[in-house]
PDB file of N, CA and C in Angstrom:
ATOM      1  N   UNK A   1     118.526 131.119 -15.816  1.00  0.00           N
ATOM      2  CA  UNK A   1     119.127 130.173 -14.929  1.00  0.00           C
ATOM      3  C   UNK A   1     118.009 129.313 -14.532  1.00  0.00           C
ATOM      4  N   UNK A   2     118.371 128.047 -14.689  1.00  0.00           N
ATOM      5  CA  UNK A   2     117.395 126.904 -14.353  1.00  0.00           C
ATOM      6  C   UNK A   2     117.782 126.135 -13.087  1.00  0.00           C
ATOM      7  N   UNK A   3     116.867 125.932 -12.262  1.00  0.00           N
ATOM      8  CA  UNK A   3     117.106 125.183 -11.042  1.00  0.00           C
ATOM      9  C   UNK A   3     116.693 123.681 -11.089  1.00  0.00           C
ATOM     10  N   UNK A   4     117.569 123.054 -10.507  1.00  0.00           N
ATOM     11  CA  UNK A   4     117.010 121.479 -10.406  1.00  0.00           C
ATOM     12  C   UNK A   4     115.742 121.424  -9.304  1.00  0.00           C
ATOM     13  N   UNK A   5     115.034 120.367  -9.509  1.00  0.00           N
ATOM     14  CA  UNK A   5     114.017 120.216  -8.508  1.00  0.00           C
ATOM     15  C   UNK A   5     114.694 119.700  -7.283  1.00  0.00           C
ATOM     16  N   UNK A   6     115.826 119.091  -7.207  1.00  0.00           N
ATOM     17  CA  UNK A   6     116.374 118.573  -5.996  1.00  0.00           C
ATOM     18  C   UNK A   6     116.738 119.846  -5.232  1.00  0.00           C
ATOM     19  N   UNK A   7     117.172 120.895  -5.717  1.00  0.00           N
ATOM     20  CA  UNK A   7     117.648 122.009  -5.110  1.00  0.00           C
ATOM     21  C   UNK A   7     116.444 122.706  -4.284  1.00  0.00           C
ATOM     22  N   UNK A   8     115.385 122.763  -4.952  1.00  0.00           N
ATOM     23  CA  UNK A   8     114.297 123.322  -4.322  1.00  0.00           C
ATOM     24  C   UNK A   8     113.626 122.553  -3.275  1.00  0.00           C
ATOM     25  N   UNK A   9     113.755 121.152  -3.322  1.00  0.00           N
ATOM     26  CA  UNK A   9     113.200 120.335  -2.240  1.00  0.00           C
ATOM     27  C   UNK A   9     114.091 120.293  -0.973  1.00  0.00           C
ATOM     28  N   UNK A  10     115.269 120.607  -1.252  1.00  0.00           N
ATOM     29  CA  UNK A  10     116.210 120.689  -0.085  1.00  0.00           C
ATOM     30  C   UNK A  10     115.947 121.697   1.100  1.00  0.00           C
ATOM     31  N   UNK A  11     115.387 122.844   0.370  1.00  0.00           N
ATOM     32  CA  UNK A  11     114.972 123.844   1.262  1.00  0.00           C
ATOM     33  C   UNK A  11     113.710 123.566   2.049  1.00  0.00           C
ATOM     34  N   UNK A  12     112.770 122.772   1.358  1.00  0.00           N
ATOM     35  CA  UNK A  12     111.602 122.448   1.997  1.00  0.00           C
ATOM     36  C   UNK A  12     111.825 121.446   3.015  1.00  0.00           C
ATOM     37  N   UNK A  13     112.709 120.462   2.725  1.00  0.00           N
ATOM     38  CA  UNK A  13     113.097 119.402   3.689  1.00  0.00           C
ATOM     39  C   UNK A  13     113.722 120.039   5.093  1.00  0.00           C
ATOM     40  N   UNK A  14     114.592 121.019   4.815  1.00  0.00           N
ATOM     41  CA  UNK A  14     115.199 121.911   5.845  1.00  0.00           C
ATOM     42  C   UNK A  14     114.134 122.604   6.607  1.00  0.00           C
ATOM     43  N   UNK A  15     113.172 123.157   6.025  1.00  0.00           N
ATOM     44  CA  UNK A  15     112.029 123.717   6.735  1.00  0.00           C
ATOM     45  C   UNK A  15     111.166 122.895   7.596  1.00  0.00           C
ATOM     46  N   UNK A  16     110.952 121.765   6.876  1.00  0.00           N
ATOM     47  CA  UNK A  16     110.157 120.764   7.688  1.00  0.00           C
ATOM     48  C   UNK A  16     110.947 120.380   8.813  1.00  0.00           C
ATOM     49  N   UNK A  17     112.111 120.126   8.890  1.00  0.00           N
ATOM     50  CA  UNK A  17     113.097 119.543   9.882  1.00  0.00           C
ATOM     51  C   UNK A  17     113.112 120.526  11.007  1.00  0.00           C
ATOM     52  N   UNK A  18     113.340 121.858  10.590  1.00  0.00           N
ATOM     53  CA  UNK A  18     113.292 122.913  11.481  1.00  0.00           C
ATOM     54  C   UNK A  18     111.899 123.046  12.360  1.00  0.00           C
ATOM     55  N   UNK A  19     110.910 122.866  11.690  1.00  0.00           N
ATOM     56  CA  UNK A  19     109.551 123.035  12.238  1.00  0.00           C
ATOM     57  C   UNK A  19     109.300 122.094  12.888  1.00  0.00           C
ATOM     58  N   UNK A  20     109.775 120.665  12.876  1.00  0.00           N
ATOM     59  CA  UNK A  20     109.540 119.654  13.841  1.00  0.00           C
ATOM     60  C   UNK A  20     110.415 119.761  15.203  1.00  0.00           C
ATOM     61  N   UNK A  21     111.684 120.465  14.884  1.00  0.00           N
ATOM     62  CA  UNK A  21     112.485 120.609  16.034  1.00  0.00           C
ATOM     63  C   UNK A  21     111.867 121.806  17.000  1.00  0.00           C
ATOM     64  N   UNK A  22     111.363 122.708  16.233  1.00  0.00           N
ATOM     65  CA  UNK A  22     110.624 123.890  17.121  1.00  0.00           C
ATOM     66  C   UNK A  22     109.458 123.247  17.819  1.00  0.00           C
ATOM     67  N   UNK A  23     108.707 122.386  17.428  1.00  0.00           N
ATOM     68  CA  UNK A  23     107.626 121.746  17.977  1.00  0.00           C
ATOM     69  C   UNK A  23     107.987 120.968  18.909  1.00  0.00           C
ATOM     70  N   UNK A  24     109.067 120.189  18.937  1.00  0.00           N
ATOM     71  CA  UNK A  24     109.498 119.434  20.079  1.00  0.00           C
ATOM     72  C   UNK A  24     109.972 120.239  21.307  1.00  0.00           C
ATOM     73  N   UNK A  25     110.554 121.323  20.956  1.00  0.00           N
ATOM     74  CA  UNK A  25     111.194 122.178  22.077  1.00  0.00           C
ATOM     75  C   UNK A  25     109.927 122.946  22.562  1.00  0.00           C
ATOM     76  N   UNK A  26     108.996 123.310  22.026  1.00  0.00           N
ATOM     77  CA  UNK A  26     107.862 123.793  22.335  1.00  0.00           C
ATOM     78  C   UNK A  26     107.007 123.104  23.517  1.00  0.00           C
ATOM     79  N   UNK A  27     106.923 121.642  23.026  1.00  0.00           N
ATOM     80  CA  UNK A  27     106.327 120.659  23.875  1.00  0.00           C
ATOM     81  C   UNK A  27     107.086 120.510  25.119  1.00  0.00           C
ATOM     82  N   UNK A  28     108.396 120.329  24.879  1.00  0.00           N
ATOM     83  CA  UNK A  28     109.366 120.215  26.205  1.00  0.00           C
ATOM     84  C   UNK A  28     109.287 121.336  27.146  1.00  0.00           C
ATOM     85  N   UNK A  29     109.234 122.540  26.560  1.00  0.00           N
ATOM     86  CA  UNK A  29     109.069 123.502  27.541  1.00  0.00           C
ATOM     87  C   UNK A  29     107.677 123.568  28.040  1.00  0.00           C
ATOM     88  N   UNK A  30     106.899 123.381  27.493  1.00  0.00           N
ATOM     89  CA  UNK A  30     105.299 123.247  28.133  1.00  0.00           C
ATOM     90  C   UNK A  30     105.290 122.114  29.019  1.00  0.00           C
ATOM     91  N   UNK A  31     105.962 121.178  28.942  1.00  0.00           N
ATOM     92  CA  UNK A  31     105.855 119.945  29.798  1.00  0.00           C
ATOM     93  C   UNK A  31     106.771 120.411  31.006  1.00  0.00           C
ATOM     94  N   UNK A  32     107.699 121.122  31.057  1.00  0.00           N
ATOM     95  CA  UNK A  32     108.528 121.601  32.132  1.00  0.00           C
ATOM     96  C   UNK A  32     107.799 122.317  33.092  1.00  0.00           C
ATOM     97  N   UNK A  33     107.179 123.377  32.204  1.00  0.00           N
ATOM     98  CA  UNK A  33     106.436 124.534  33.174  1.00  0.00           C
ATOM     99  C   UNK A  33     105.195 123.604  33.709  1.00  0.00           C
ATOM    100  N   UNK A  34     104.558 122.772  33.161  1.00  0.00           N
ATOM    101  CA  UNK A  34     103.375 122.222  33.903  1.00  0.00           C
ATOM    102  C   UNK A  34     103.797 121.280  35.022  1.00  0.00           C
ATOM    103  N   UNK A  35     104.964 120.496  34.871  1.00  0.00           N
ATOM    104  CA  UNK A  35     105.431 119.731  36.001  1.00  0.00           C
ATOM    105  C   UNK A  35     105.920 120.549  37.044  1.00  0.00           C
ATOM    106  N   UNK A  36     106.498 121.638  36.827  1.00  0.00           N
ATOM    107  CA  UNK A  36     106.915 122.532  37.846  1.00  0.00           C
ATOM    108  C   UNK A  36     105.723 123.097  38.680  1.00  0.00           C
ATOM    109  N   UNK A  37     105.006 123.484  38.047  1.00  0.00           N
ATOM    110  CA  UNK A  37     103.699 123.964  38.857  1.00  0.00           C
ATOM    111  C   UNK A  37     102.997 123.071  39.479  1.00  0.00           C
ATOM    112  N   UNK A  38     102.986 121.780  39.059  1.00  0.00           N
ATOM    113  CA  UNK A  38     102.326 120.700  39.751  1.00  0.00           C
ATOM    114  C   UNK A  38     103.086 120.412  40.879  1.00  0.00           C
ATOM    115  N   UNK A  39     104.471 120.308  40.923  1.00  0.00           N
ATOM    116  CA  UNK A  39     105.170 120.066  42.060  1.00  0.00           C
ATOM    117  C   UNK A  39     105.181 121.051  43.026  1.00  0.00           C
ATOM    118  N   UNK A  40     105.085 122.307  42.680  1.00  0.00           N
ATOM    119  CA  UNK A  40     104.937 123.456  43.673  1.00  0.00           C
ATOM    120  C   UNK A  40     103.563 123.187  44.520  1.00  0.00           C
ATOM    121  N   UNK A  41     102.535 122.958  43.704  1.00  0.00           N
ATOM    122  CA  UNK A  41     101.145 122.958  44.288  1.00  0.00           C
ATOM    123  C   UNK A  41     101.150 121.610  45.213  1.00  0.00           C
ATOM    124  N   UNK A  42     101.733 120.651  44.819  1.00  0.00           N
ATOM    125  CA  UNK A  42     101.792 119.368  45.555  1.00  0.00           C
ATOM    126  C   UNK A  42     102.658 119.597  46.961  1.00  0.00           C
ATOM    127  N   UNK A  43     103.626 120.374  46.856  1.00  0.00           N
ATOM    128  CA  UNK A  43     104.228 120.777  48.179  1.00  0.00           C
ATOM    129  C   UNK A  43     103.512 121.557  48.887  1.00  0.00           C
ATOM    130  N   UNK A  44     102.840 122.573  48.494  1.00  0.00           N
ATOM    131  CA  UNK A  44     101.850 123.236  49.255  1.00  0.00           C
ATOM    132  C   UNK A  44     100.811 122.622  49.844  1.00  0.00           C
ATOM    133  N   UNK A  45     100.222 121.653  49.275  1.00  0.00           N
ATOM    134  CA  UNK A  45      99.091 120.924  49.803  1.00  0.00           C
ATOM    135  C   UNK A  45      99.632 119.860  50.758  1.00  0.00           C
ATOM    136  N   UNK A  46     100.883 119.417  50.550  1.00  0.00           N
ATOM    137  CA  UNK A  46     101.278 118.562  51.660  1.00  0.00           C
ATOM    138  C   UNK A  46     101.841 119.283  52.963  1.00  0.00           C
ATOM    139  N   UNK A  47     102.247 120.496  52.803  1.00  0.00           N
ATOM    140  CA  UNK A  47     102.562 121.177  54.052  1.00  0.00           C
ATOM    141  C   UNK A  47     101.240 121.414  54.826  1.00  0.00           C
ATOM    142  N   UNK A  48      99.988 121.889  53.971  1.00  0.00           N
ATOM    143  CA  UNK A  48      98.863 122.211  54.557  1.00  0.00           C
ATOM    144  C   UNK A  48      98.187 121.111  55.323  1.00  0.00           C
ATOM    145  N   UNK A  49      98.259 119.876  54.756  1.00  0.00           N
ATOM    146  CA  UNK A  49      97.823 118.593  55.363  1.00  0.00           C
ATOM    147  C   UNK A  49      98.587 118.340  56.510  1.00  0.00           C
ATOM    148  N   UNK A  50      99.744 118.364  56.621  1.00  0.00           N
ATOM    149  CA  UNK A  50     100.662 118.141  57.819  1.00  0.00           C
ATOM    150  C   UNK A  50     100.300 119.220  58.856  1.00  0.00           C
ATOM    151  N   UNK A  51     100.105 120.400  58.571  1.00  0.00           N
ATOM    152  CA  UNK A  51      99.934 121.470  59.683  1.00  0.00           C
ATOM    153  C   UNK A  51      98.443 121.509  60.056  1.00  0.00           C
ATOM    154  N   UNK A  52      97.677 121.543  58.986  1.00  0.00           N
ATOM    155  CA  UNK A  52      96.133 121.500  59.050  1.00  0.00           C
ATOM    156  C   UNK A  52      95.550 122.746  59.903  1.00  0.00           C
ATOM    157  N   UNK A  53      94.496 122.746  60.292  1.00  0.00           N
ATOM    158  CA  UNK A  53      93.936 123.637  61.279  1.00  0.00           C
ATOM    159  C   UNK A  53      93.658 122.908  62.543  1.00  0.00           C
ATOM    160  N   UNK A  54      93.850 123.748  63.640  1.00  0.00           N
ATOM    161  CA  UNK A  54      93.596 123.218  64.958  1.00  0.00           C
ATOM    162  C   UNK A  54      92.099 123.169  65.252  1.00  0.00           C
ATOM    163  N   UNK A  55      91.779 122.095  65.928  1.00  0.00           N
ATOM    164  CA  UNK A  55      90.207 121.811  66.245  1.00  0.00           C
ATOM    165  C   UNK A  55      89.575 122.987  66.795  1.00  0.00           C
ATOM    166  N   UNK A  56      90.305 123.533  67.844  1.00  0.00           N
ATOM    167  CA  UNK A  56      89.671 124.646  68.486  1.00  0.00           C
ATOM    168  C   UNK A  56      89.396 125.871  67.608  1.00  0.00           C
ATOM    169  N   UNK A  57      90.152 126.135  66.550  1.00  0.00           N
ATOM    170  CA  UNK A  57      90.229 127.172  65.660  1.00  0.00           C
ATOM    171  C   UNK A  57      88.757 126.799  64.764  1.00  0.00           C
ATOM    172  N   UNK A  58      88.732 125.640  64.456  1.00  0.00           N
ATOM    173  CA  UNK A  58      87.480 125.091  63.460  1.00  0.00           C
ATOM    174  C   UNK A  58      86.186 125.338  64.337  1.00  0.00           C
ATOM    175  N   UNK A  59      86.205 125.076  65.438  1.00  0.00           N
ATOM    176  CA  UNK A  59      84.868 125.091  66.324  1.00  0.00           C
ATOM    177  C   UNK A  59      84.669 126.749  66.508  1.00  0.00           C
ATOM    178  N   UNK A  60      85.578 127.431  66.813  1.00  0.00           N
ATOM    179  CA  UNK A  60      85.390 128.833  66.860  1.00  0.00           C
ATOM    180  C   UNK A  60      84.789 129.514  65.730  1.00  0.00           C
ATOM    181  N   UNK A  61      85.576 129.096  64.550  1.00  0.00           N
ATOM    182  CA  UNK A  61      85.053 129.648  63.198  1.00  0.00           C
ATOM    183  C   UNK A  61      83.565 129.322  62.939  1.00  0.00           C
ATOM    184  N   UNK A  62      83.319 127.951  63.168  1.00  0.00           N
ATOM    185  CA  UNK A  62      81.754 127.624  62.908  1.00  0.00           C
ATOM    186  C   UNK A  62      80.929 128.290  63.872  1.00  0.00           C
ATOM    187  N   UNK A  63      81.303 128.500  65.021  1.00  0.00           N
ATOM    188  CA  UNK A  63      80.376 129.275  66.103  1.00  0.00           C
ATOM    189  C   UNK A  63      80.205 130.682  65.525  1.00  0.00           C
ATOM    190  N   UNK A  64      81.221 131.285  65.042  1.00  0.00           N
ATOM    191  CA  UNK A  64      81.083 132.725  64.673  1.00  0.00           C
ATOM    192  C   UNK A  64      80.322 132.714  63.397  1.00  0.00           C
ATOM    193  N   UNK A  65      80.508 131.809  62.463  1.00  0.00           N
ATOM    194  CA  UNK A  65      79.730 131.579  61.242  1.00  0.00           C
ATOM    195  C   UNK A  65      78.106 131.541  61.553  1.00  0.00           C
ATOM    196  N   UNK A  66      77.946 130.793  62.553  1.00  0.00           N
ATOM    197  CA  UNK A  66      76.428 130.748  62.846  1.00  0.00           C
ATOM    198  C   UNK A  66      75.781 132.019  63.394  1.00  0.00           C
ATOM    199  N   UNK A  67      76.857 132.533  64.398  1.00  0.00           N
ATOM    200  CA  UNK A  67      76.216 133.762  65.143  1.00  0.00           C
ATOM    201  C   UNK A  67      76.183 135.083  64.147  1.00  0.00           C
ATOM    202  N   UNK A  68      77.341 135.276  63.608  1.00  0.00           N
ATOM    203  CA  UNK A  68      77.366 136.540  62.707  1.00  0.00           C
ATOM    204  C   UNK A  68      77.085 136.362  61.340  1.00  0.00           C
ATOM    205  N   UNK A  69      77.150 135.149  60.873  1.00  0.00           N
ATOM    206  CA  UNK A  69      76.957 134.789  59.433  1.00  0.00           C
ATOM    207  C   UNK A  69      78.138 134.607  58.877  1.00  0.00           C
ATOM    208  N   UNK A  70      78.397 133.833  57.692  1.00  0.00           N
ATOM    209  CA  UNK A  70      79.656 133.612  57.090  1.00  0.00           C
ATOM    210  C   UNK A  70      80.235 134.852  56.490  1.00  0.00           C
ATOM    211  N   UNK A  71      81.527 134.842  56.543  1.00  0.00           N
ATOM    212  CA  UNK A  71      82.294 135.917  55.747  1.00  0.00           C
ATOM    213  C   UNK A  71      81.957 135.692  54.311  1.00  0.00           C
ATOM    214  N   UNK A  72      81.856 136.754  53.521  1.00  0.00           N
ATOM    215  CA  UNK A  72      81.477 136.853  52.173  1.00  0.00           C
ATOM    216  C   UNK A  72      82.745 136.223  51.364  1.00  0.00           C
ATOM    217  N   UNK A  73      83.772 136.482  51.766  1.00  0.00           N
ATOM    218  CA  UNK A  73      85.193 135.995  51.146  1.00  0.00           C
ATOM    219  C   UNK A  73      85.406 134.557  51.290  1.00  0.00           C
ATOM    220  N   UNK A  74      84.689 133.948  52.169  1.00  0.00           N
ATOM    221  CA  UNK A  74      84.864 132.452  52.456  1.00  0.00           C
ATOM    222  C   UNK A  74      84.084 131.721  51.662  1.00  0.00           C
ATOM    223  N   UNK A  75      84.718 131.108  50.544  1.00  0.00           N
ATOM    224  CA  UNK A  75      83.820 130.296  49.666  1.00  0.00           C
ATOM    225  C   UNK A  75      83.585 128.915  50.121  1.00  0.00           C
ATOM    226  N   UNK A  76      84.459 128.521  51.123  1.00  0.00           N
ATOM    227  CA  UNK A  76      84.316 127.272  51.593  1.00  0.00           C
ATOM    228  C   UNK A  76      83.360 127.060  52.591  1.00  0.00           C
ATOM    229  N   UNK A  77      82.739 128.009  53.129  1.00  0.00           N
ATOM    230  CA  UNK A  77      81.726 128.078  54.133  1.00  0.00           C
ATOM    231  C   UNK A  77      80.291 127.428  53.586  1.00  0.00           C
ATOM    232  N   UNK A  78      79.804 126.245  54.315  1.00  0.00           N
ATOM    233  CA  UNK A  78      78.660 125.651  53.925  1.00  0.00           C
ATOM    234  C   UNK A  78      77.320 126.709  54.225  1.00  0.00           C
ATOM    235  N   UNK A  79      77.528 127.687  55.174  1.00  0.00           N
ATOM    236  CA  UNK A  79      76.440 128.424  55.476  1.00  0.00           C
ATOM    237  C   UNK A  79      76.204 129.559  54.356  1.00  0.00           C
ATOM    238  N   UNK A  80      77.082 129.777  53.702  1.00  0.00           N
ATOM    239  CA  UNK A  80      77.090 130.844  52.546  1.00  0.00           C
ATOM    240  C   UNK A  80      76.159 130.483  51.291  1.00  0.00           C
TER     241      UNK A  80
END
């Protein structure tokens, strides 16, 4: 049984089209995940900036860091 070259190429063309569609689906999914994570972190940052830390709490924390030494878990402390 002989096959025409056009029959063989139809399968390759379909494979290429399916590959491109899967590539675009993966790119779209990745874009949605990244933008969702960015949106969540932006909302958390905005809430922190609105609320912030009280000045009295910051002064007490600085005083305790000087007297007792900084907490080992506090990576933001300049005394560490």
